[in-house]
Amino acid sequence: MRKKNRSFLLMSLVAASLLVRVFTLVQAQSSPAPAAKATKCRLHVKVDVLAGT
């Protein structure tokens, strides 16, 4: 493999990796975390139990 082709392949892989990371970050920020929803629900259940309802 020529050095020129190897450099092009490496740069292509780096660019693809960065694009995947950016896409993943955007998706993660646009949707709320499921763990936060579960914690919120548990908190409401605890409050209802303490209030006696």
C-alpha atoms as a PDB file:
ATOM      1  CA  MET A   1       0.000   0.000   0.000  1.00  0.00           C
ATOM      2  CA  ARG A   2       1.371   3.389  -0.904  1.00  0.00           C
ATOM      3  CA  LYS A   3       1.988   5.934   1.810  1.00  0.00           C
ATOM      4  CA  LYS A   4      -0.320   8.392   0.035  1.00  0.00           C
ATOM      5  CA  ASN A   5      -3.206   5.885   0.050  1.00  0.00           C
ATOM      6  CA  ARG A   6      -2.536   4.981   3.663  1.00  0.00           C
ATOM      7  CA  SER A   7      -2.722   8.629   4.729  1.00  0.00           C
ATOM      8  CA  PHE A   8      -5.976   9.099   2.820  1.00  0.00           C
ATOM      9  CA  LEU A   9      -7.471   6.002   4.447  1.00  0.00           C
ATOM     10  CA  LEU A  10      -6.412   7.158   7.905  1.00  0.00           C
ATOM     11  CA  MET A  11      -7.874  10.634   7.395  1.00  0.00           C
ATOM     12  CA  SER A  12     -11.121   9.129   6.094  1.00  0.00           C
ATOM     13  CA  LEU A  13     -11.438   6.923   9.168  1.00  0.00           C
ATOM     14  CA  VAL A  14     -10.747   9.865  11.491  1.00  0.00           C
ATOM     15  CA  ALA A  15     -13.355  12.009   9.718  1.00  0.00           C
ATOM     16  CA  ALA A  16     -15.948   9.223   9.859  1.00  0.00           C
ATOM     17  CA  SER A  17     -15.256   8.685  13.557  1.00  0.00           C
ATOM     18  CA  LEU A  18     -15.736  12.385  14.302  1.00  0.00           C
ATOM     19  CA  LEU A  19     -19.002  12.464  12.359  1.00  0.00           C
ATOM     20  CA  VAL A  20     -20.334   9.485  14.309  1.00  0.00           C
ATOM     21  CA  ARG A  21     -19.384  11.124  17.618  1.00  0.00           C
ATOM     22  CA  VAL A  22     -21.083  14.393  16.684  1.00  0.00           C
ATOM     23  CA  PHE A  23     -24.215  12.551  15.556  1.00  0.00           C
ATOM     24  CA  THR A  24     -24.292  10.574  18.807  1.00  0.00           C
ATOM     25  CA  LEU A  25     -23.915  13.729  20.905  1.00  0.00           C
ATOM     26  CA  VAL A  26     -26.712  15.488  19.027  1.00  0.00           C
ATOM     27  CA  GLN A  27     -29.015  12.492  19.493  1.00  0.00           C
ATOM     28  CA  ALA A  28     -28.190  12.278  23.195  1.00  0.00           C
ATOM     29  CA  GLN A  29     -28.907  15.964  23.766  1.00  0.00           C
ATOM     30  CA  SER A  30     -32.174  15.959  21.835  1.00  0.00           C
ATOM     31  CA  SER A  31     -33.749  13.123  23.843  1.00  0.00           C
ATOM     32  CA  PRO A  32     -33.951  13.044  27.655  1.00  0.00           C
ATOM     33  CA  ALA A  33     -32.126  10.302  29.476  1.00  0.00           C
ATOM     34  CA  PRO A  34     -34.303   7.320  30.476  1.00  0.00           C
ATOM     35  CA  ALA A  35     -32.594   7.119  33.869  1.00  0.00           C
ATOM     36  CA  ALA A  36     -33.706  10.662  34.691  1.00  0.00           C
ATOM     37  CA  LYS A  37     -37.301   9.763  33.881  1.00  0.00           C
ATOM     38  CA  ALA A  38     -37.170   6.669  36.095  1.00  0.00           C
ATOM     39  CA  THR A  39     -35.719   8.657  38.990  1.00  0.00           C
ATOM     40  CA  LYS A  40     -38.404  11.273  38.611  1.00  0.00           C
ATOM     41  CA  CYS A  41     -41.144   8.618  38.724  1.00  0.00           C
ATOM     42  CA  ARG A  42     -39.666   7.001  41.817  1.00  0.00           C
ATOM     43  CA  LEU A  43     -39.534  10.380  43.508  1.00  0.00           C
ATOM     44  CA  HIS A  44     -43.229  10.970  42.867  1.00  0.00           C
ATOM     45  CA  VAL A  45     -44.092   7.511  44.224  1.00  0.00           C
ATOM     46  CA  LYS A  46     -42.088   8.177  47.407  1.00  0.00           C
ATOM     47  CA  VAL A  47     -43.818  11.537  47.892  1.00  0.00           C
ATOM     48  CA  ASP A  48     -47.248   9.938  47.409  1.00  0.00           C
ATOM     49  CA  VAL A  49     -46.426   7.182  49.900  1.00  0.00           C
ATOM     50  CA  LEU A  50     -45.173   9.683  52.478  1.00  0.00           C
ATOM     51  CA  ALA A  51     -48.271  11.839  52.001  1.00  0.00           C
ATOM     52  CA  GLY A  52     -50.487   8.802  52.553  1.00  0.00           C
ATOM     53  CA  THR A  53     -52.200   8.879  49.173  1.00  0.00           C
END
